[in-house]
PDB file of all heavy atoms in Angstrom:
ATOM      1  N   LEU A   1       0.851  -1.208  -0.003  1.00  0.00           N
ATOM      2  CA  LEU A   1       0.000  -0.002   0.001  1.00  0.00           C
ATOM      3  C   LEU A   1       0.873   1.246  -0.001  1.00  0.00           C
ATOM      4  O   LEU A   1       1.869   1.320   0.726  1.00  0.00           O
ATOM      5  CB  LEU A   1      -0.891   0.026   1.239  1.00  0.00           C
ATOM      6  CG  LEU A   1      -2.132  -0.843   1.213  1.00  0.00           C
ATOM      7  CD1 LEU A   1      -2.842  -0.728   2.552  1.00  0.00           C
ATOM      8  CD2 LEU A   1      -3.067  -0.457   0.107  1.00  0.00           C
ATOM      9  N   PRO A   2       0.518   2.251  -0.796  1.00  0.00           N
ATOM     10  CA  PRO A   2       1.344   3.472  -0.834  1.00  0.00           C
ATOM     11  C   PRO A   2       1.003   4.443   0.298  1.00  0.00           C
ATOM     12  O   PRO A   2       0.721   5.611   0.087  1.00  0.00           O
ATOM     13  CB  PRO A   2       0.984   4.067  -2.193  1.00  0.00           C
ATOM     14  CG  PRO A   2      -0.408   3.613  -2.426  1.00  0.00           C
ATOM     15  CD  PRO A   2      -0.523   2.251  -1.816  1.00  0.00           C
ATOM     16  N   VAL A   3       0.974   3.937   1.519  1.00  0.00           N
ATOM     17  CA  VAL A   3       0.667   4.737   2.701  1.00  0.00           C
ATOM     18  C   VAL A   3       1.881   4.718   3.595  1.00  0.00           C
ATOM     19  O   VAL A   3       2.403   3.653   3.915  1.00  0.00           O
ATOM     20  CB  VAL A   3      -0.563   4.167   3.457  1.00  0.00           C
ATOM     21  CG1 VAL A   3      -0.828   4.994   4.698  1.00  0.00           C
ATOM     22  CG2 VAL A   3      -1.779   4.135   2.564  1.00  0.00           C
ATOM     23  N   ASN A   4       2.346   5.894   4.008  1.00  0.00           N
ATOM     24  CA  ASN A   4       3.520   5.961   4.858  1.00  0.00           C
ATOM     25  C   ASN A   4       3.278   6.983   5.958  1.00  0.00           C
ATOM     26  O   ASN A   4       2.935   8.129   5.693  1.00  0.00           O
ATOM     27  CB  ASN A   4       4.753   6.356   4.047  1.00  0.00           C
ATOM     28  CG  ASN A   4       6.015   6.215   4.853  1.00  0.00           C
ATOM     29  OD1 ASN A   4       6.007   5.674   5.961  1.00  0.00           O
ATOM     30  ND2 ASN A   4       7.107   6.712   4.307  1.00  0.00           N
ATOM     31  N   PHE A   5       3.435   6.559   7.183  1.00  0.00           N
ATOM     32  CA  PHE A   5       3.283   7.461   8.327  1.00  0.00           C
ATOM     33  C   PHE A   5       4.625   7.876   8.902  1.00  0.00           C
ATOM     34  O   PHE A   5       4.702   8.447   9.969  1.00  0.00           O
ATOM     35  CB  PHE A   5       2.405   6.820   9.403  1.00  0.00           C
ATOM     36  CG  PHE A   5       0.973   6.723   9.008  1.00  0.00           C
ATOM     37  CD1 PHE A   5       0.441   5.523   8.567  1.00  0.00           C
ATOM     38  CD2 PHE A   5       0.168   7.826   9.048  1.00  0.00           C
ATOM     39  CE1 PHE A   5      -0.882   5.425   8.200  1.00  0.00           C
ATOM     40  CE2 PHE A   5      -1.167   7.753   8.671  1.00  0.00           C
ATOM     41  CZ  PHE A   5      -1.685   6.549   8.244  1.00  0.00           C
ATOM     42  N   GLY A   6       5.701   7.532   8.214  1.00  0.00           N
ATOM     43  CA  GLY A   6       7.020   8.003   8.599  1.00  0.00           C
ATOM     44  C   GLY A   6       7.720   7.156   9.637  1.00  0.00           C
ATOM     45  O   GLY A   6       8.755   7.544  10.142  1.00  0.00           O
ATOM     46  N   VAL A   7       7.183   6.001   9.968  1.00  0.00           N
ATOM     47  CA  VAL A   7       7.781   5.156  10.986  1.00  0.00           C
ATOM     48  C   VAL A   7       8.021   3.782  10.378  1.00  0.00           C
ATOM     49  O   VAL A   7       7.149   3.201   9.759  1.00  0.00           O
ATOM     50  CB  VAL A   7       6.843   5.029  12.210  1.00  0.00           C
ATOM     51  CG1 VAL A   7       7.451   4.118  13.247  1.00  0.00           C
ATOM     52  CG2 VAL A   7       6.548   6.389  12.804  1.00  0.00           C
ATOM     53  N   ASN A   8       9.230   3.229  10.547  1.00  0.00           N
ATOM     54  CA  ASN A   8       9.546   1.914  10.017  1.00  0.00           C
ATOM     55  C   ASN A   8       9.556   0.831  11.084  1.00  0.00           C
ATOM     56  O   ASN A   8       9.544  -0.341  10.769  1.00  0.00           O
ATOM     57  CB  ASN A   8      10.916   1.946   9.315  1.00  0.00           C
ATOM     58  CG  ASN A   8      10.854   2.760   8.047  1.00  0.00           C
ATOM     59  OD1 ASN A   8       9.819   2.823   7.400  1.00  0.00           O
ATOM     60  ND2 ASN A   8      11.962   3.393   7.706  1.00  0.00           N
ATOM     61  N   ASN A   9       9.568   1.204  12.339  1.00  0.00           N
ATOM     62  CA  ASN A   9       9.590   0.249  13.430  1.00  0.00           C
ATOM     63  C   ASN A   9       8.162  -0.236  13.698  1.00  0.00           C
ATOM     64  O   ASN A   9       7.240   0.565  13.833  1.00  0.00           O
ATOM     65  CB  ASN A   9      10.164   0.910  14.676  1.00  0.00           C
ATOM     66  CG  ASN A   9      10.431  -0.067  15.787  1.00  0.00           C
ATOM     67  OD1 ASN A   9      10.057  -1.240  15.703  1.00  0.00           O
ATOM     68  ND2 ASN A   9      11.074   0.416  16.829  1.00  0.00           N
ATOM     69  N   ILE A  10       7.958  -1.540  13.776  1.00  0.00           N
ATOM     70  CA  ILE A  10       6.623  -2.114  13.942  1.00  0.00           C
ATOM     71  C   ILE A  10       6.004  -1.748  15.304  1.00  0.00           C
ATOM     72  O   ILE A  10       4.791  -1.523  15.398  1.00  0.00           O
ATOM     73  CB  ILE A  10       6.634  -3.652  13.727  1.00  0.00           C
ATOM     74  CG1 ILE A  10       5.214  -4.218  13.657  1.00  0.00           C
ATOM     75  CG2 ILE A  10       7.399  -4.347  14.810  1.00  0.00           C
ATOM     76  CD1 ILE A  10       4.501  -3.864  12.419  1.00  0.00           C
ATOM     77  N   ILE A  11       6.828  -1.652  16.343  1.00  0.00           N
ATOM     78  CA  ILE A  11       6.300  -1.311  17.661  1.00  0.00           C
ATOM     79  C   ILE A  11       5.811   0.132  17.679  1.00  0.00           C
ATOM     80  O   ILE A  11       4.744   0.433  18.224  1.00  0.00           O
ATOM     81  CB  ILE A  11       7.356  -1.582  18.753  1.00  0.00           C
ATOM     82  CG1 ILE A  11       7.627  -3.077  18.792  1.00  0.00           C
ATOM     83  CG2 ILE A  11       6.907  -1.054  20.097  1.00  0.00           C
ATOM     84  CD1 ILE A  11       8.643  -3.518  19.772  1.00  0.00           C
ATOM     85  N   LEU A  12       6.580   1.033  17.064  1.00  0.00           N
ATOM     86  CA  LEU A  12       6.129   2.424  16.975  1.00  0.00           C
ATOM     87  C   LEU A  12       4.874   2.543  16.121  1.00  0.00           C
ATOM     88  O   LEU A  12       3.990   3.348  16.427  1.00  0.00           O
ATOM     89  CB  LEU A  12       7.246   3.303  16.414  1.00  0.00           C
ATOM     90  CG  LEU A  12       8.419   3.572  17.353  1.00  0.00           C
ATOM     91  CD1 LEU A  12       9.482   4.388  16.643  1.00  0.00           C
ATOM     92  CD2 LEU A  12       7.942   4.281  18.590  1.00  0.00           C
ATOM     93  N   LYS A  13       4.768   1.739  15.076  1.00  0.00           N
ATOM     94  CA  LYS A  13       3.549   1.748  14.259  1.00  0.00           C
ATOM     95  C   LYS A  13       2.348   1.321  15.095  1.00  0.00           C
ATOM     96  O   LYS A  13       1.285   1.939  15.018  1.00  0.00           O
ATOM     97  CB  LYS A  13       3.689   0.802  13.066  1.00  0.00           C
ATOM     98  CG  LYS A  13       4.495   1.335  11.933  1.00  0.00           C
ATOM     99  CD  LYS A  13       4.508   0.335  10.782  1.00  0.00           C
ATOM    100  CE  LYS A  13       5.385   0.825   9.660  1.00  0.00           C
ATOM    101  NZ  LYS A  13       5.448  -0.129   8.546  1.00  0.00           N
ATOM    102  N   LEU A  14       2.521   0.289  15.906  1.00  0.00           N
ATOM    103  CA  LEU A  14       1.410  -0.170  16.740  1.00  0.00           C
ATOM    104  C   LEU A  14       1.030   0.863  17.798  1.00  0.00           C
ATOM    105  O   LEU A  14      -0.160   1.051  18.094  1.00  0.00           O
ATOM    106  CB  LEU A  14       1.778  -1.502  17.402  1.00  0.00           C
ATOM    107  CG  LEU A  14       1.870  -2.700  16.467  1.00  0.00           C
ATOM    108  CD1 LEU A  14       2.349  -3.924  17.217  1.00  0.00           C
ATOM    109  CD2 LEU A  14       0.538  -2.966  15.803  1.00  0.00           C
ATOM    110  N   ILE A  15       2.014   1.550  18.349  1.00  0.00           N
ATOM    111  CA  ILE A  15       1.723   2.599  19.335  1.00  0.00           C
ATOM    112  C   ILE A  15       0.955   3.742  18.665  1.00  0.00           C
ATOM    113  O   ILE A  15      -0.036   4.246  19.230  1.00  0.00           O
ATOM    114  CB  ILE A  15       3.019   3.092  20.003  1.00  0.00           C
ATOM    115  CG1 ILE A  15       3.594   2.003  20.903  1.00  0.00           C
ATOM    116  CG2 ILE A  15       2.780   4.364  20.794  1.00  0.00           C
ATOM    117  CD1 ILE A  15       4.960   2.318  21.457  1.00  0.00           C
ATOM    118  N   ILE A  16       1.388   4.146  17.484  1.00  0.00           N
ATOM    119  CA  ILE A  16       0.691   5.207  16.757  1.00  0.00           C
ATOM    120  C   ILE A  16      -0.721   4.776  16.397  1.00  0.00           C
ATOM    121  O   ILE A  16      -1.673   5.556  16.524  1.00  0.00           O
ATOM    122  CB  ILE A  16       1.500   5.631  15.517  1.00  0.00           C
ATOM    123  CG1 ILE A  16       2.757   6.360  15.929  1.00  0.00           C
ATOM    124  CG2 ILE A  16       0.662   6.508  14.593  1.00  0.00           C
ATOM    125  CD1 ILE A  16       3.702   6.668  14.810  1.00  0.00           C
ATOM    126  N   ILE A  17      -0.883   3.525  15.978  1.00  0.00           N
ATOM    127  CA  ILE A  17      -2.219   3.017  15.645  1.00  0.00           C
ATOM    128  C   ILE A  17      -3.126   3.047  16.868  1.00  0.00           C
ATOM    129  O   ILE A  17      -4.285   3.452  16.796  1.00  0.00           O
ATOM    130  CB  ILE A  17      -2.118   1.588  15.062  1.00  0.00           C
ATOM    131  CG1 ILE A  17      -1.503   1.646  13.670  1.00  0.00           C
ATOM    132  CG2 ILE A  17      -3.478   0.927  15.000  1.00  0.00           C
ATOM    133  CD1 ILE A  17      -1.171   0.289  13.104  1.00  0.00           C
ATOM    134  N   CYS A  18      -2.589   2.648  18.020  1.00  0.00           N
ATOM    135  CA  CYS A  18      -3.384   2.656  19.254  1.00  0.00           C
ATOM    136  C   CYS A  18      -3.772   4.073  19.658  1.00  0.00           C
ATOM    137  O   CYS A  18      -4.919   4.326  20.043  1.00  0.00           O
ATOM    138  CB  CYS A  18      -2.624   1.976  20.387  1.00  0.00           C
ATOM    139  SG  CYS A  18      -2.470   0.205  20.173  1.00  0.00           S
ATOM    140  N   ILE A  19      -2.832   5.004  19.558  1.00  0.00           N
ATOM    141  CA  ILE A  19      -3.128   6.398  19.917  1.00  0.00           C
ATOM    142  C   ILE A  19      -4.175   6.980  18.981  1.00  0.00           C
ATOM    143  O   ILE A  19      -5.132   7.633  19.430  1.00  0.00           O
ATOM    144  CB  ILE A  19      -1.828   7.234  19.917  1.00  0.00           C
ATOM    145  CG1 ILE A  19      -0.936   6.822  21.085  1.00  0.00           C
ATOM    146  CG2 ILE A  19      -2.148   8.718  19.988  1.00  0.00           C
ATOM    147  CD1 ILE A  19       0.441   7.443  21.062  1.00  0.00           C
ATOM    148  N   VAL A  20      -4.039   6.738  17.690  1.00  0.00           N
ATOM    149  CA  VAL A  20      -5.008   7.248  16.718  1.00  0.00           C
ATOM    150  C   VAL A  20      -6.382   6.647  16.965  1.00  0.00           C
ATOM    151  O   VAL A  20      -7.401   7.335  16.919  1.00  0.00           O
ATOM    152  CB  VAL A  20      -4.524   6.987  15.278  1.00  0.00           C
ATOM    153  CG1 VAL A  20      -5.640   7.180  14.270  1.00  0.00           C
ATOM    154  CG2 VAL A  20      -3.351   7.875  14.947  1.00  0.00           C
ATOM    155  N   ALA A  21      -6.436   5.352  17.278  1.00  0.00           N
ATOM    156  CA  ALA A  21      -7.711   4.699  17.543  1.00  0.00           C
ATOM    157  C   ALA A  21      -8.377   5.266  18.792  1.00  0.00           C
ATOM    158  O   ALA A  21      -9.585   5.508  18.803  1.00  0.00           O
ATOM    159  CB  ALA A  21      -7.497   3.200  17.675  1.00  0.00           C
ATOM    160  N   ILE A  22      -7.603   5.476  19.841  1.00  0.00           N
ATOM    161  CA  ILE A  22      -8.158   6.002  21.088  1.00  0.00           C
ATOM    162  C   ILE A  22      -8.667   7.414  20.896  1.00  0.00           C
ATOM    163  O   ILE A  22      -9.783   7.758  21.330  1.00  0.00           O
ATOM    164  CB  ILE A  22      -7.116   5.928  22.218  1.00  0.00           C
ATOM    165  CG1 ILE A  22      -6.864   4.472  22.589  1.00  0.00           C
ATOM    166  CG2 ILE A  22      -7.537   6.721  23.437  1.00  0.00           C
ATOM    167  CD1 ILE A  22      -5.666   4.269  23.487  1.00  0.00           C
ATOM    168  N   VAL A  23      -7.891   8.259  20.236  1.00  0.00           N
ATOM    169  CA  VAL A  23      -8.312   9.640  19.995  1.00  0.00           C
ATOM    170  C   VAL A  23      -9.561   9.674  19.116  1.00  0.00           C
ATOM    171  O   VAL A  23     -10.506  10.430  19.377  1.00  0.00           O
ATOM    172  CB  VAL A  23      -7.158  10.466  19.379  1.00  0.00           C
ATOM    173  CG1 VAL A  23      -7.651  11.815  18.898  1.00  0.00           C
ATOM    174  CG2 VAL A  23      -6.043  10.627  20.383  1.00  0.00           C
ATOM    175  N   SER A  24      -9.591   8.852  18.093  1.00  0.00           N
ATOM    176  CA  SER A  24     -10.749   8.801  17.204  1.00  0.00           C
ATOM    177  C   SER A  24     -11.992   8.325  17.953  1.00  0.00           C
ATOM    178  O   SER A  24     -13.083   8.865  17.756  1.00  0.00           O
ATOM    179  CB  SER A  24     -10.461   7.886  16.025  1.00  0.00           C
ATOM    180  OG  SER A  24     -11.587   7.761  15.206  1.00  0.00           O
ATOM    181  N   TYR A  25     -11.834   7.345  18.823  1.00  0.00           N
ATOM    182  CA  TYR A  25     -12.968   6.813  19.582  1.00  0.00           C
ATOM    183  C   TYR A  25     -13.542   7.875  20.516  1.00  0.00           C
ATOM    184  O   TYR A  25     -14.766   8.091  20.558  1.00  0.00           O
ATOM    185  CB  TYR A  25     -12.526   5.583  20.374  1.00  0.00           C
ATOM    186  CG  TYR A  25     -13.576   5.051  21.299  1.00  0.00           C
ATOM    187  CD1 TYR A  25     -14.689   4.384  20.799  1.00  0.00           C
ATOM    188  CD2 TYR A  25     -13.463   5.218  22.671  1.00  0.00           C
ATOM    189  CE1 TYR A  25     -15.656   3.898  21.640  1.00  0.00           C
ATOM    190  CE2 TYR A  25     -14.428   4.728  23.521  1.00  0.00           C
ATOM    191  CZ  TYR A  25     -15.535   4.063  23.016  1.00  0.00           C
ATOM    192  OH  TYR A  25     -16.484   3.599  23.864  1.00  0.00           O
ATOM    193  N   TYR A  26     -12.682   8.546  21.277  1.00  0.00           N
ATOM    194  CA  TYR A  26     -13.193   9.537  22.223  1.00  0.00           C
ATOM    195  C   TYR A  26     -13.744  10.766  21.514  1.00  0.00           C
ATOM    196  O   TYR A  26     -14.718  11.361  21.976  1.00  0.00           O
ATOM    197  CB  TYR A  26     -12.108   9.920  23.240  1.00  0.00           C
ATOM    198  CG  TYR A  26     -11.960   8.870  24.301  1.00  0.00           C
ATOM    199  CD1 TYR A  26     -10.793   8.144  24.437  1.00  0.00           C
ATOM    200  CD2 TYR A  26     -13.004   8.590  25.170  1.00  0.00           C
ATOM    201  CE1 TYR A  26     -10.660   7.176  25.402  1.00  0.00           C
ATOM    202  CE2 TYR A  26     -12.890   7.626  26.147  1.00  0.00           C
ATOM    203  CZ  TYR A  26     -11.724   6.913  26.260  1.00  0.00           C
ATOM    204  OH  TYR A  26     -11.603   5.944  27.210  1.00  0.00           O
TER     205      TYR A  26
END
């Protein structure tokens, strides 16, 4: 997929995904 959030580390990607999900939910 041509989507890049600027992070190559999988753990940082998961942390960013969790933060985005929490902010979006609230």
